[in-house]
């Protein structure tokens, strides 16, 4: 047998094992701390926990505590915290169903709260270890842009733009993205004095197809209203050729040809369901708006690490909430959502500890926030039922509550299957 072949094969097997271990650890760990949150708060609220298990399937280790059985099960992708009177109402002492509404609410939200706190804490630690914070202080002014026209200077600090406080580049970019080129009110600080200007951002036009590609030139998503959508291009289509030039799974080559200067109409050859289709596409002309300033990097001090770490963490949390909001407002379609298969692929592709830890924080925060959505079968759905009980001052009929939970569970299972199907299409 060829030695080189053996080495390559061995390397592939090792990569698969490492990827599997990363996925098992991340998902298993996050679900474990989620269930541990329920366990700890249930104990504090004097609610009896019958079993706390890490994993599913056959039990490989167990220990009986004073009232709780602790177990480790064979399949490490999950866990559960089984409380007395949680699934079926019970009159026994220490029953979940007999606990006060505030205590039950505390137990229900505990798991998601642990995931949210853990995600934010880990992200904060990551951000405080970085040294690339961009401040609101102007480092230089770009020739020919609006900032030069109103004579902004190096050392000026941007305090407010269009009524929004500006603390860093993220704040500035956020306002500029919504500006649409209209005149903005700009407040800067120069030599301890605040100065107010009216500034019309400089327009920069560029071409856009509205397609978002992965590293193999497969289309991840298509922007609504874009030329790509109008021409019938869909998620999971794969670009084979651009202007009759073979791409060979090279997304950079595809982008380079698409962005070629002076090119108006592009001929794309895409693969869909093992069939090749030719589509003529005229990129949209889009406008972006800029003040024309380069902002200064913060000094590498301990205080700045803490301050900007807190700012970055806050923005991280807001971005997660914005993404979830977009699901309900139509900004993100269901087939663009990522399920366990898609998450596993993303985790497997992480390189280095820092990237893996970032993914750990991202998924933990997403898991926590998603779990609090008012959907039956999620913690947020249970919380909603408890709120209804508090308003009505009497519990919902047990049969009605069970039926609501079953309907919610069925919807989640159907949604999971649909998302998993699209995850698999994106991968293969």
Protein backbone atom coordinates (compact mmCIF):
# COMPACT_ATOMS: atom_id res chain seq x y z
CA UNK A 1 0.00 0.00 0.00
CA UNK A 2 1.23 3.47 -0.85
CA UNK A 3 2.63 5.13 2.30
CA UNK A 4 1.44 8.56 1.21
CA UNK A 5 -2.11 7.20 0.84
CA UNK A 6 -1.95 5.72 4.36
CA UNK A 7 -0.79 9.07 5.81
CA UNK A 8 -3.56 10.98 4.00
CA UNK A 9 -6.19 8.46 5.04
CA UNK A 10 -4.95 8.59 8.65
CA UNK A 11 -5.10 12.39 8.59
CA UNK A 12 -8.70 12.36 7.31
CA UNK A 13 -9.74 9.91 10.05
CA UNK A 14 -8.05 12.07 12.71
CA UNK A 15 -9.81 15.19 11.37
CA UNK A 16 -13.18 13.42 11.52
CA UNK A 17 -12.53 12.28 15.11
CA UNK A 18 -11.48 15.78 16.24
CA UNK A 19 -14.53 17.33 14.54
CA UNK A 20 -16.84 14.79 16.21
CA UNK A 21 -15.28 15.47 19.62
CA UNK A 22 -15.72 19.24 19.16
CA UNK A 23 -19.39 18.81 18.24
CA UNK A 24 -20.07 16.39 21.12
CA UNK A 25 -18.35 18.62 23.66
CA UNK A 26 -20.01 21.86 22.53
CA UNK A 27 -23.59 20.60 22.25
CA UNK A 28 -23.28 18.28 25.26
CA UNK A 29 -21.75 21.00 27.45
CA UNK A 30 -24.29 23.70 26.54
CA UNK A 31 -27.28 21.43 27.10
CA UNK A 32 -25.76 20.17 30.38
CA UNK A 33 -25.35 23.68 31.84
CA UNK A 34 -28.87 24.50 30.61
CA UNK A 35 -30.36 21.54 32.51
CA UNK A 36 -28.07 22.25 35.49
CA UNK A 37 -29.69 25.69 35.69
CA UNK A 38 -33.10 24.04 36.05
CA UNK A 39 -31.66 21.62 38.66
CA UNK A 40 -30.04 24.25 40.88
CA UNK A 41 -33.03 26.62 40.92
CA UNK A 42 -35.45 23.70 41.48
CA UNK A 43 -33.40 22.66 44.53
CA UNK A 44 -33.37 26.25 45.81
CA UNK A 45 -37.17 26.40 45.35
CA UNK A 46 -37.65 23.13 47.29
CA UNK A 47 -38.97 21.30 44.21
CA UNK A 48 -38.08 17.60 44.05
CA UNK A 49 -35.87 16.53 41.13
CA UNK A 50 -36.29 12.82 40.44
CA UNK A 51 -33.44 12.49 37.94
CA UNK A 52 -30.72 14.64 36.45
CA UNK A 53 -29.07 13.02 33.44
CA UNK A 54 -26.29 14.01 31.08
CA UNK A 55 -26.93 12.42 27.69
CA UNK A 56 -29.64 10.12 26.41
CA UNK A 57 -30.05 6.39 25.85
CA UNK A 58 -28.76 3.56 28.07
CA UNK A 59 -27.36 4.55 31.47
CA UNK A 60 -23.60 3.96 31.80
CA UNK A 61 -23.21 5.47 35.30
CA UNK A 62 -25.63 6.44 38.04
CA UNK A 63 -25.67 7.51 41.64
CA UNK A 64 -28.68 7.92 43.90
CA UNK A 65 -28.59 11.07 45.99
CA UNK A 66 -30.86 11.92 48.90
CA UNK A 67 -33.79 12.49 46.53
CA UNK A 68 -32.26 12.78 43.05
CA UNK A 69 -30.74 10.12 40.82
CA UNK A 70 -27.72 11.46 38.91
CA UNK A 71 -26.86 9.62 35.69
CA UNK A 72 -24.58 9.70 32.67
CA UNK A 73 -26.08 8.14 29.55
CA UNK A 74 -24.49 6.72 26.42
CA UNK A 75 -25.43 9.39 23.85
CA UNK A 76 -23.74 12.64 25.03
CA UNK A 77 -25.81 15.06 22.92
CA UNK A 78 -28.29 16.30 25.48
CA UNK A 79 -29.64 15.73 28.95
CA UNK A 80 -32.67 16.34 31.10
CA UNK A 81 -33.85 17.40 34.54
CA UNK A 82 -36.94 15.40 35.53
CA UNK A 83 -38.97 17.11 38.28
CA UNK A 84 -41.83 15.71 40.33
CA UNK A 85 -45.14 16.93 38.88
CA UNK A 86 -43.62 18.59 35.81
CA UNK A 87 -45.06 16.37 33.07
CA UNK A 88 -48.18 15.27 35.00
CA UNK A 89 -49.53 17.27 37.90
CA UNK A 90 -48.86 15.75 41.30
CA UNK A 91 -50.12 16.45 44.82
CA UNK A 92 -46.93 15.06 46.37
CA UNK A 93 -44.76 17.25 48.58
CA UNK A 94 -42.10 19.05 46.56
CA UNK A 95 -44.10 18.79 43.34
CA UNK A 96 -43.36 21.33 40.59
CA UNK A 97 -47.10 21.76 39.95
CA UNK A 98 -47.70 22.63 43.64
CA UNK A 99 -44.95 25.27 43.81
CA UNK A 100 -45.91 28.95 43.66
CA UNK A 101 -46.07 30.62 40.23
CA UNK A 102 -42.97 32.83 40.86
CA UNK A 103 -40.97 29.73 41.85
CA UNK A 104 -42.11 27.79 38.80
CA UNK A 105 -41.25 30.77 36.59
CA UNK A 106 -37.78 30.96 38.14
CA UNK A 107 -37.20 27.25 37.48
CA UNK A 108 -38.45 27.49 33.88
CA UNK A 109 -36.24 30.46 32.90
CA UNK A 110 -33.17 29.19 34.79
CA UNK A 111 -31.80 27.02 31.97
CA UNK A 112 -31.98 29.71 29.30
CA UNK A 113 -30.61 32.28 31.76
CA UNK A 114 -27.53 30.14 32.41
CA UNK A 115 -26.92 29.83 28.64
CA UNK A 116 -27.31 33.58 28.14
CA UNK A 117 -25.03 34.52 31.05
CA UNK A 118 -22.43 31.94 30.01
CA UNK A 119 -22.47 33.11 26.37
CA UNK A 120 -22.11 36.78 27.31
CA UNK A 121 -19.39 36.07 29.88
CA UNK A 122 -17.33 33.98 27.45
CA UNK A 123 -17.73 36.59 24.71
CA UNK A 124 -16.74 39.36 27.12
CA UNK A 125 -13.57 37.45 28.04
CA UNK A 126 -12.78 36.99 24.33
CA UNK A 127 -13.29 40.67 23.61
CA UNK A 128 -11.23 41.86 26.57
CA UNK A 129 -8.34 39.72 25.30
CA UNK A 130 -8.44 41.52 21.95
CA UNK A 131 -6.49 44.68 21.15
CA UNK A 132 -8.27 45.88 17.99
CA UNK A 133 -10.87 48.23 19.44
CA UNK A 134 -11.79 51.14 17.18
CA UNK A 135 -12.72 54.36 18.99
CA UNK A 136 -14.84 57.35 17.93
CA UNK A 137 -11.74 59.54 17.45
CA UNK A 138 -10.79 60.52 13.90
CA UNK A 139 -7.32 59.31 12.93
CA UNK A 140 -7.38 60.69 9.37
CA UNK A 141 -9.73 62.29 6.85
CA UNK A 142 -10.09 60.80 3.35
CA UNK A 143 -9.60 63.14 0.39
CA UNK A 144 -12.71 63.98 -1.61
CA UNK A 145 -15.23 62.84 0.97
CA UNK A 146 -17.81 64.79 3.00
CA UNK A 147 -15.64 64.96 6.12
CA UNK A 148 -12.97 66.88 4.22
CA UNK A 149 -15.55 69.31 2.84
CA UNK A 150 -16.65 70.42 6.32
CA UNK A 151 -13.00 70.42 7.49
CA UNK A 152 -13.09 67.68 10.11
CA UNK A 153 -9.64 67.14 11.62
CA UNK A 154 -7.47 64.44 13.08
CA UNK A 155 -8.22 64.21 16.80
CA UNK A 156 -11.89 65.20 16.48
CA UNK A 157 -14.20 62.84 18.38
CA UNK A 158 -17.56 61.95 16.87
CA UNK A 159 -20.05 62.32 19.74
CA UNK A 160 -23.40 62.05 17.97
CA UNK A 161 -24.64 61.41 14.45
CA UNK A 162 -28.29 61.99 13.60
CA UNK A 163 -29.15 61.93 17.31
CA UNK A 164 -27.40 58.60 17.98
CA UNK A 165 -24.49 58.35 20.41
CA UNK A 166 -21.28 57.22 18.71
CA UNK A 167 -18.80 55.32 20.85
CA UNK A 168 -16.98 53.30 18.19
CA UNK A 169 -16.89 52.30 14.51
CA UNK A 170 -19.82 49.89 14.94
CA UNK A 171 -22.10 52.74 16.07
CA UNK A 172 -20.98 54.91 13.16
CA UNK A 173 -21.50 52.16 10.57
CA UNK A 174 -24.95 51.39 11.99
CA UNK A 175 -26.14 54.99 11.49
CA UNK A 176 -24.53 55.28 8.06
CA UNK A 177 -26.23 52.10 6.87
CA UNK A 178 -29.63 53.72 7.52
CA UNK A 179 -28.71 57.19 6.27
CA UNK A 180 -29.89 56.83 2.62
CA UNK A 181 -27.76 59.84 1.75
CA UNK A 182 -29.81 62.44 3.59
CA UNK A 183 -28.18 65.35 5.45
CA UNK A 184 -27.21 64.29 8.98
CA UNK A 185 -26.59 66.30 12.11
CA UNK A 186 -23.04 65.64 13.32
CA UNK A 187 -21.73 66.61 16.76
CA UNK A 188 -17.99 66.40 17.31
CA UNK A 189 -15.73 67.24 20.22
CA UNK A 190 -12.64 69.33 19.43
CA UNK A 191 -10.40 70.72 22.16
CA UNK A 192 -13.05 70.01 24.84
CA UNK A 193 -15.64 71.98 22.79
CA UNK A 194 -18.66 70.44 21.08
CA UNK A 195 -19.24 71.57 17.48
CA UNK A 196 -22.36 70.85 15.39
CA UNK A 197 -22.36 70.38 11.62
CA UNK A 198 -24.85 69.39 8.95
CA UNK A 199 -23.16 66.83 6.71
CA UNK A 200 -24.32 65.09 3.55
CA UNK A 201 -22.51 61.72 3.32
CA UNK A 202 -20.58 60.91 0.16
CA UNK A 203 -22.30 58.39 -2.10
CA UNK A 204 -20.29 55.46 -3.44
CA UNK A 205 -21.97 53.24 -6.03
CA UNK A 206 -21.18 49.58 -6.50
CA UNK A 207 -22.58 46.48 -8.17
CA UNK A 208 -24.42 43.76 -6.28
CA UNK A 209 -26.00 40.49 -7.40
CA UNK A 210 -27.75 39.87 -4.07
CA UNK A 211 -26.16 36.41 -3.74
CA UNK A 212 -24.29 35.18 -0.66
CA UNK A 213 -21.89 32.31 -1.39
CA UNK A 214 -20.00 29.75 0.66
CA UNK A 215 -16.37 28.79 0.05
CA UNK A 216 -17.38 26.31 -2.69
CA UNK A 217 -19.46 28.86 -4.64
CA UNK A 218 -22.73 27.37 -3.43
CA UNK A 219 -25.43 30.00 -2.87
CA UNK A 220 -26.28 30.27 0.84
CA UNK A 221 -29.03 32.84 0.45
CA UNK A 222 -30.51 35.32 -2.01
CA UNK A 223 -31.43 38.86 -1.00
CA UNK A 224 -35.10 39.73 -1.41
CA UNK A 225 -35.83 42.00 -4.37
CA UNK A 226 -32.34 41.54 -5.82
CA UNK A 227 -31.57 40.80 -9.48
CA UNK A 228 -30.62 37.24 -8.48
CA UNK A 229 -34.05 36.62 -6.96
CA UNK A 230 -35.81 38.16 -9.97
CA UNK A 231 -33.94 35.77 -12.27
CA UNK A 232 -35.04 32.76 -10.24
CA UNK A 233 -31.74 31.97 -8.52
CA UNK A 234 -32.33 30.03 -5.30
CA UNK A 235 -30.51 28.98 -2.14
CA UNK A 236 -28.43 25.82 -2.63
CA UNK A 237 -27.86 26.50 -6.34
CA UNK A 238 -24.17 26.06 -7.12
CA UNK A 239 -22.23 28.30 -9.51
CA UNK A 240 -20.33 26.17 -12.02
CA UNK A 241 -19.30 28.83 -14.54
CA UNK A 242 -19.25 32.62 -14.78
CA UNK A 243 -19.14 33.99 -18.34
CA UNK A 244 -18.30 30.46 -19.54
CA UNK A 245 -15.23 30.29 -17.27
CA UNK A 246 -15.03 27.23 -15.02
CA UNK A 247 -15.08 28.12 -11.30
CA UNK A 248 -13.90 24.74 -9.96
CA UNK A 249 -15.43 25.33 -6.49
CA UNK A 250 -13.38 28.52 -6.08
CA UNK A 251 -15.61 31.25 -4.63
CA UNK A 252 -12.86 33.88 -4.96
CA UNK A 253 -12.61 33.23 -8.69
CA UNK A 254 -16.39 33.54 -9.04
CA UNK A 255 -16.42 36.85 -7.15
CA UNK A 256 -13.46 38.18 -9.14
CA UNK A 257 -15.18 37.55 -12.49
CA UNK A 258 -18.54 38.89 -11.26
CA UNK A 259 -16.88 42.12 -10.07
CA UNK A 260 -14.88 42.60 -13.27
CA UNK A 261 -14.87 46.29 -14.26
CA UNK A 262 -17.11 47.42 -17.07
CA UNK A 263 -19.16 44.24 -16.97
CA UNK A 264 -22.92 44.72 -17.01
CA UNK A 265 -24.58 41.40 -17.82
CA UNK A 266 -23.17 38.19 -16.36
CA UNK A 267 -23.83 34.70 -17.69
CA UNK A 268 -24.03 32.23 -14.82
CA UNK A 269 -24.09 28.48 -15.21
CA UNK A 270 -25.58 27.01 -12.07
CA UNK A 271 -26.19 23.45 -10.95
CA UNK A 272 -29.60 22.64 -9.48
CA UNK A 273 -30.78 19.07 -8.77
CA UNK A 274 -27.95 17.66 -10.95
CA UNK A 275 -29.05 19.86 -13.86
CA UNK A 276 -27.06 22.77 -15.29
CA UNK A 277 -28.97 25.98 -16.02
CA UNK A 278 -27.74 29.14 -17.78
CA UNK A 279 -28.99 32.43 -16.33
CA UNK A 280 -28.24 35.96 -17.53
CA UNK A 281 -27.91 38.33 -14.60
CA UNK A 282 -27.57 42.11 -14.54
CA UNK A 283 -26.16 43.20 -11.16
CA UNK A 284 -28.02 45.93 -9.29
CA UNK A 285 -26.35 49.26 -8.73
CA UNK A 286 -26.42 49.98 -5.03
CA UNK A 287 -25.41 53.11 -3.15
CA UNK A 288 -23.40 53.19 0.06
CA UNK A 289 -22.76 56.35 2.06
CA UNK A 290 -19.63 57.41 3.94
CA UNK A 291 -18.36 60.36 5.98
CA UNK A 292 -14.83 59.67 4.79
CA UNK A 293 -12.96 59.20 8.06
CA UNK A 294 -10.59 56.58 9.45
CA UNK A 295 -11.07 56.09 13.18
CA UNK A 296 -8.28 55.63 15.70
CA UNK A 297 -7.52 52.33 17.40
CA UNK A 298 -7.84 52.45 21.19
CA UNK A 299 -4.72 52.38 23.36
CA UNK A 300 -3.79 48.94 24.67
CA UNK A 301 -4.65 49.48 28.35
CA UNK A 302 -6.44 47.28 30.90
CA UNK A 303 -9.27 49.82 31.32
CA UNK A 304 -9.81 50.03 27.55
CA UNK A 305 -9.96 46.24 27.37
CA UNK A 306 -12.77 46.25 29.94
CA UNK A 307 -14.65 49.23 28.47
CA UNK A 308 -14.55 48.10 24.86
CA UNK A 309 -15.08 44.47 25.84
CA UNK A 310 -18.35 45.54 27.49
CA UNK A 311 -19.36 47.56 24.41
CA UNK A 312 -18.57 44.67 22.02
CA UNK A 313 -20.49 42.21 24.23
CA UNK A 314 -23.55 44.46 24.28
CA UNK A 315 -23.46 44.75 20.49
CA UNK A 316 -23.05 40.97 20.23
CA UNK A 317 -26.21 40.43 22.29
CA UNK A 318 -28.16 43.01 20.26
CA UNK A 319 -27.10 41.35 17.00
CA UNK A 320 -28.47 38.00 18.22
CA UNK A 321 -31.79 39.63 19.13
CA UNK A 322 -31.91 41.43 15.77
CA UNK A 323 -31.33 38.15 13.90
CA UNK A 324 -34.14 36.43 15.80
CA UNK A 325 -36.41 39.43 15.20
CA UNK A 326 -35.72 39.14 11.45
CA UNK A 327 -37.13 35.58 11.47
CA UNK A 328 -40.52 36.95 12.49
CA UNK A 329 -40.41 40.06 10.30
CA UNK A 330 -39.43 38.19 7.13
CA UNK A 331 -35.83 39.42 7.01
CA UNK A 332 -34.64 35.81 7.22
CA UNK A 333 -36.50 32.92 5.60
CA UNK A 334 -36.89 29.55 7.33
CA UNK A 335 -34.64 27.81 4.79
CA UNK A 336 -31.79 30.14 5.82
CA UNK A 337 -32.01 29.04 9.44
CA UNK A 338 -29.45 26.60 10.83
CA UNK A 339 -30.32 23.42 12.73
CA UNK A 340 -28.23 20.78 14.52
CA UNK A 341 -26.63 19.55 11.27
CA UNK A 342 -25.70 23.07 10.15
CA UNK A 343 -24.41 23.96 13.63
CA UNK A 344 -22.36 20.75 13.69
CA UNK A 345 -20.80 21.62 10.33
CA UNK A 346 -19.93 25.15 11.53
CA UNK A 347 -18.40 23.78 14.75
CA UNK A 348 -16.42 21.13 12.85
CA UNK A 349 -14.93 23.85 10.61
CA UNK A 350 -13.62 25.96 13.50
CA UNK A 351 -9.85 26.29 13.54
CA UNK A 352 -8.06 27.16 16.76
CA UNK A 353 -9.27 27.48 20.32
CA UNK A 354 -10.35 31.12 20.01
CA UNK A 355 -12.68 30.43 17.07
CA UNK A 356 -14.12 27.38 18.84
CA UNK A 357 -14.73 29.35 22.04
CA UNK A 358 -16.40 32.12 20.01
CA UNK A 359 -18.73 29.50 18.49
CA UNK A 360 -19.40 28.20 22.01
CA UNK A 361 -20.47 31.69 23.13
CA UNK A 362 -22.54 32.33 20.00
CA UNK A 363 -24.49 29.07 20.21
CA UNK A 364 -24.97 29.35 23.98
CA UNK A 365 -26.48 32.83 23.69
CA UNK A 366 -28.61 31.82 20.69
CA UNK A 367 -29.82 28.70 22.51
CA UNK A 368 -30.74 30.72 25.59
CA UNK A 369 -32.61 33.47 23.73
CA UNK A 370 -34.41 31.02 21.41
CA UNK A 371 -35.53 28.93 24.38
CA UNK A 372 -37.32 31.96 25.83
CA UNK A 373 -39.48 32.50 22.75
CA UNK A 374 -43.19 32.08 23.66
CA UNK A 375 -43.57 28.86 21.68
CA UNK A 376 -45.20 25.81 23.32
CA UNK A 377 -42.70 23.05 24.21
CA UNK A 378 -39.93 25.66 24.69
CA UNK A 379 -39.20 27.21 28.08
CA UNK A 380 -40.73 30.44 26.82
CA UNK A 381 -43.97 28.60 26.04
CA UNK A 382 -44.09 27.18 29.55
CA UNK A 383 -43.45 30.67 30.91
CA UNK A 384 -46.37 32.01 28.82
CA UNK A 385 -48.70 29.34 30.26
CA UNK A 386 -47.63 30.33 33.77
CA UNK A 387 -48.32 34.01 32.99
CA UNK A 388 -51.81 33.06 31.77
CA UNK A 389 -52.31 31.09 34.98
CA UNK A 390 -51.23 34.10 37.05
CA UNK A 391 -53.67 36.39 35.17
CA UNK A 392 -56.56 33.91 35.41
CA UNK A 393 -55.65 33.08 39.03
CA UNK A 394 -56.23 29.42 38.33
CA UNK A 395 -54.32 26.76 36.38
CA UNK A 396 -55.21 25.81 32.85
CA UNK A 397 -56.93 22.44 32.47
CA UNK A 398 -54.25 19.76 32.48
CA UNK A 399 -55.55 18.16 29.28
CA UNK A 400 -55.58 21.55 27.50
CA UNK A 401 -52.03 22.31 28.63
CA UNK A 402 -50.81 18.88 27.48
CA UNK A 403 -52.47 19.34 24.08
CA UNK A 404 -50.89 22.79 23.66
CA UNK A 405 -47.47 21.35 24.51
CA UNK A 406 -47.98 18.44 22.07
CA UNK A 407 -48.99 20.80 19.26
CA UNK A 408 -45.96 22.99 19.96
CA UNK A 409 -43.69 19.95 20.10
CA UNK A 410 -45.07 18.66 16.76
CA UNK A 411 -44.47 22.05 15.13
CA UNK A 412 -40.89 22.14 16.45
CA UNK A 413 -40.21 18.61 15.18
CA UNK A 414 -41.58 19.47 11.72
CA UNK A 415 -39.55 22.70 11.66
CA UNK A 416 -36.42 20.82 12.76
CA UNK A 417 -36.84 18.27 9.97
CA UNK A 418 -37.33 21.05 7.41
CA UNK A 419 -34.28 23.00 8.63
CA UNK A 420 -32.17 19.82 8.79
CA UNK A 421 -33.15 19.04 5.19
CA UNK A 422 -31.86 22.45 4.06
CA UNK A 423 -28.73 22.04 6.23
CA UNK A 424 -27.95 18.82 4.36
CA UNK A 425 -28.60 20.46 0.97
CA UNK A 426 -26.19 23.29 1.86
CA UNK A 427 -23.48 20.80 2.86
CA UNK A 428 -23.83 18.44 -0.10
